[in-house]
Protein backbone atom coordinates (compact mmCIF):
# COMPACT_ATOMS: atom_id res chain seq x y z
CA MET A 1 -0.16 -0.24 -0.05
CA THR A 2 1.29 2.86 -1.30
CA THR A 3 2.09 5.46 1.81
CA LEU A 4 1.16 9.00 1.42
CA LYS A 5 3.34 11.31 3.44
CA TYR A 6 1.28 14.78 2.35
CA LEU A 7 -2.23 13.43 3.20
CA GLN A 8 -1.56 11.60 6.80
CA ALA A 9 -4.01 13.62 8.25
CA TYR A 10 -7.17 13.50 5.22
CA PRO A 11 -10.40 10.41 6.16
CA GLN A 12 -8.73 7.28 5.17
CA ALA A 13 -11.39 7.51 2.07
CA LEU A 14 -9.96 10.02 0.92
CA GLN A 15 -6.92 8.42 0.86
CA ASP A 16 -8.28 4.93 -0.68
CA GLN A 17 -9.15 7.62 -3.93
CA VAL A 18 -6.07 8.93 -4.39
CA ARG A 19 -4.62 5.33 -3.49
CA GLN A 20 -6.92 4.16 -7.02
CA LEU A 21 -6.22 7.55 -8.84
CA ILE A 22 -2.32 6.09 -8.57
CA ASP A 23 -2.40 2.96 -8.60
CA ARG A 24 -5.18 3.72 -12.50
CA GLY A 25 -2.64 6.43 -13.70
CA GLN A 26 -4.88 8.69 -13.51
CA LEU A 27 -3.59 11.03 -11.61
CA ALA A 28 -1.73 13.73 -13.71
CA ASP A 29 -5.21 13.65 -15.65
CA TYR A 30 -7.28 14.37 -12.61
CA LEU A 31 -4.53 17.86 -11.48
CA ALA A 32 -5.00 18.76 -15.37
CA GLN A 33 -8.17 19.04 -15.76
CA ARG A 34 -8.91 20.46 -11.85
CA TYR A 35 -6.01 22.68 -13.05
CA PRO A 36 -4.19 22.95 -16.51
CA ASP A 37 -3.08 25.75 -16.22
CA ARG A 38 0.07 27.87 -15.12
CA HIS A 39 0.77 31.82 -13.80
CA ALA A 40 2.87 33.98 -14.91
CA VAL A 41 4.50 34.66 -11.95
CA GLN A 42 7.91 34.10 -12.94
CA SER A 43 10.25 37.18 -10.41
CA ASP A 44 10.40 37.54 -7.08
CA LYS A 45 9.64 41.63 -8.33
CA ALA A 46 6.20 40.23 -9.13
CA LEU A 47 5.94 38.44 -6.40
CA TYR A 48 6.08 40.69 -4.48
CA ALA A 49 3.14 43.21 -6.42
CA TYR A 50 1.40 39.93 -6.34
CA ALA A 51 1.53 38.99 -2.60
CA THR A 52 1.45 43.22 -2.16
CA ALA A 53 -2.12 43.33 -3.93
CA LEU A 54 -2.97 40.45 -2.08
CA LYS A 55 -2.36 42.29 1.04
CA GLN A 56 -4.36 45.12 0.49
CA GLU A 57 -6.72 43.56 -1.06
CA HIS A 58 -8.18 41.63 2.68
CA LEU A 59 -5.65 42.52 5.09
CA ARG A 60 -4.90 46.50 4.66
CA ASN A 61 -3.93 46.81 8.43
CA ALA A 62 -1.55 43.88 8.86
CA PRO A 63 1.99 44.36 8.58
CA ASN A 64 3.13 46.16 5.74
CA ILE A 65 5.79 43.24 3.67
CA ASP A 66 9.25 43.83 2.72
CA LYS A 67 10.30 41.70 1.29
CA VAL A 68 8.27 38.23 -0.45
CA LEU A 69 10.34 35.47 -2.95
CA PHE A 70 10.72 32.72 -4.73
CA ASP A 71 13.26 30.67 -2.42
CA ASN A 72 15.01 27.77 -4.35
CA ARG A 73 16.69 26.46 -0.83
CA LEU A 74 13.09 26.16 0.57
CA ASP A 75 11.56 22.24 -0.06
CA LEU A 76 10.04 19.49 1.23
CA THR A 77 12.54 18.30 2.57
CA HIS A 78 12.19 20.88 5.21
CA ARG A 79 7.74 20.71 5.21
CA ALA A 80 8.13 23.80 3.88
CA LEU A 81 6.12 25.23 1.08
CA GLY A 82 6.61 28.76 2.16
CA LEU A 83 8.24 30.80 5.45
CA HIS A 84 6.76 34.25 6.81
CA THR A 85 9.69 35.72 9.22
CA ALA A 86 10.26 38.60 11.13
CA VAL A 87 13.75 39.65 10.87
CA SER A 88 14.79 41.82 13.17
CA ARG A 89 18.04 44.37 12.56
CA VAL A 90 19.45 47.53 14.83
CA GLN A 91 19.70 50.44 12.40
CA GLY A 92 20.92 53.43 14.02
CA GLY A 93 20.25 52.80 17.91
CA LYS A 94 16.50 51.49 17.00
CA LEU A 95 14.74 48.00 16.60
CA LYS A 96 13.10 47.77 12.99
CA ALA A 97 11.14 44.25 12.17
CA LYS A 98 11.05 43.70 8.39
CA LYS A 99 8.57 41.42 7.49
CA GLU A 100 10.03 38.53 4.75
CA ILE A 101 7.76 36.20 2.41
CA ARG A 102 9.51 33.36 1.21
CA ILE A 103 7.58 30.69 -1.45
CA ALA A 104 8.99 26.90 -2.51
CA ALA A 105 10.34 27.60 -5.86
CA LEU A 106 9.38 24.86 -6.90
CA PHE A 107 5.49 26.80 -6.82
CA LYS A 108 7.16 29.03 -10.25
CA ASP A 109 5.60 26.23 -12.44
CA ALA A 110 2.28 25.78 -10.46
CA ALA A 111 -1.21 25.52 -11.10
CA PRO A 112 -2.18 29.81 -10.17
CA GLN A 113 -4.84 28.32 -7.71
CA PHE A 114 -1.87 27.19 -5.83
CA LEU A 115 0.67 29.93 -6.00
CA LYS A 116 -2.78 31.75 -4.65
CA MET A 117 -3.00 29.12 -1.22
CA ILE A 118 0.71 29.69 -0.65
CA VAL A 119 0.45 33.58 -0.59
CA VAL A 120 -2.34 33.86 1.28
CA HIS A 121 -1.82 31.00 3.68
CA GLU A 122 1.78 33.44 4.71
CA LEU A 123 -0.66 36.62 4.52
CA ALA A 124 -2.64 35.38 7.04
CA HIS A 125 0.96 34.44 9.50
CA LEU A 126 0.59 38.76 9.48
CA LYS A 127 -2.29 38.11 10.79
CA GLU A 128 -2.90 34.84 13.35
CA ALA A 129 0.82 33.31 13.39
CA ASP A 130 -0.37 29.83 14.83
CA HIS A 131 -2.84 27.21 12.36
CA ASN A 132 -5.91 27.73 14.58
CA LYS A 133 -9.57 28.06 14.02
CA ALA A 134 -9.00 31.90 13.09
CA PHE A 135 -6.45 31.08 10.98
CA TYR A 136 -8.22 28.82 9.05
CA GLN A 137 -10.74 30.99 8.71
CA LEU A 138 -9.56 33.67 7.59
CA CYS A 139 -7.54 31.78 4.74
CA GLU A 140 -11.36 30.99 4.57
CA TYR A 141 -11.90 34.51 3.83
CA MET A 142 -9.10 35.36 1.59
CA GLN A 143 -9.88 32.60 -0.59
CA PRO A 144 -12.83 30.29 -0.82
CA GLY A 145 -12.36 27.05 -0.95
CA TYR A 146 -8.95 27.69 0.80
CA HIS A 147 -8.98 24.34 2.61
CA GLN A 148 -10.06 21.82 -0.93
CA LEU A 149 -6.76 23.79 -2.68
CA GLU A 150 -4.80 22.89 -0.05
CA PHE A 151 -6.37 19.43 -0.60
CA ASP A 152 -5.77 19.55 -4.12
CA LEU A 153 -1.74 20.76 -3.43
CA ARG A 154 -0.62 17.67 -0.83
CA VAL A 155 -2.49 15.25 -4.05
CA TYR A 156 0.20 17.22 -6.40
CA LEU A 157 2.90 17.18 -3.83
CA THR A 158 2.36 13.05 -3.71
CA TYR A 159 2.22 13.77 -7.97
CA ARG A 160 5.69 15.46 -7.87
CA ASP A 161 7.12 12.20 -5.48
CA LEU A 162 5.86 9.39 -8.30
CA PRO A 163 8.69 8.20 -10.34
CA GLN A 164 7.69 9.82 -13.44
CA PRO A 165 7.38 7.91 -16.57
CA THR A 166 10.96 7.89 -18.62
């Protein structure tokens, strides 16, 4: 039985459905049908503009973001698809806190819905530090259908881990 490391928290019935798609060789088709497009956000500058626009639309009172970038060092071995950090620096006797968001570079080639889901997730951390009920309500507010997208993103990551035909 295939271990689905990204889907372990989901009910067994859902995991079994994904296993059936894998066994039949239909997982790629499922993803391509649901998410046929790739986004056009390819540079750090474009990603910053994208994240800032989402923040302005949904979180006007949240702290400003100082940096948003694709990070080649973030990968699934660190269990991080995105990171939000507050970097504190001393500048001229004052302590400055810079808010940064880093998105795993694997999302350069992902569906636009997956990129938005990751950016929304990291933006929600500006208001809610923990993954609690309020955090997920905020994610759902910024991106309706967030929970389905998170599940499908985990299915996509599962697909990426499968041996690909040569």
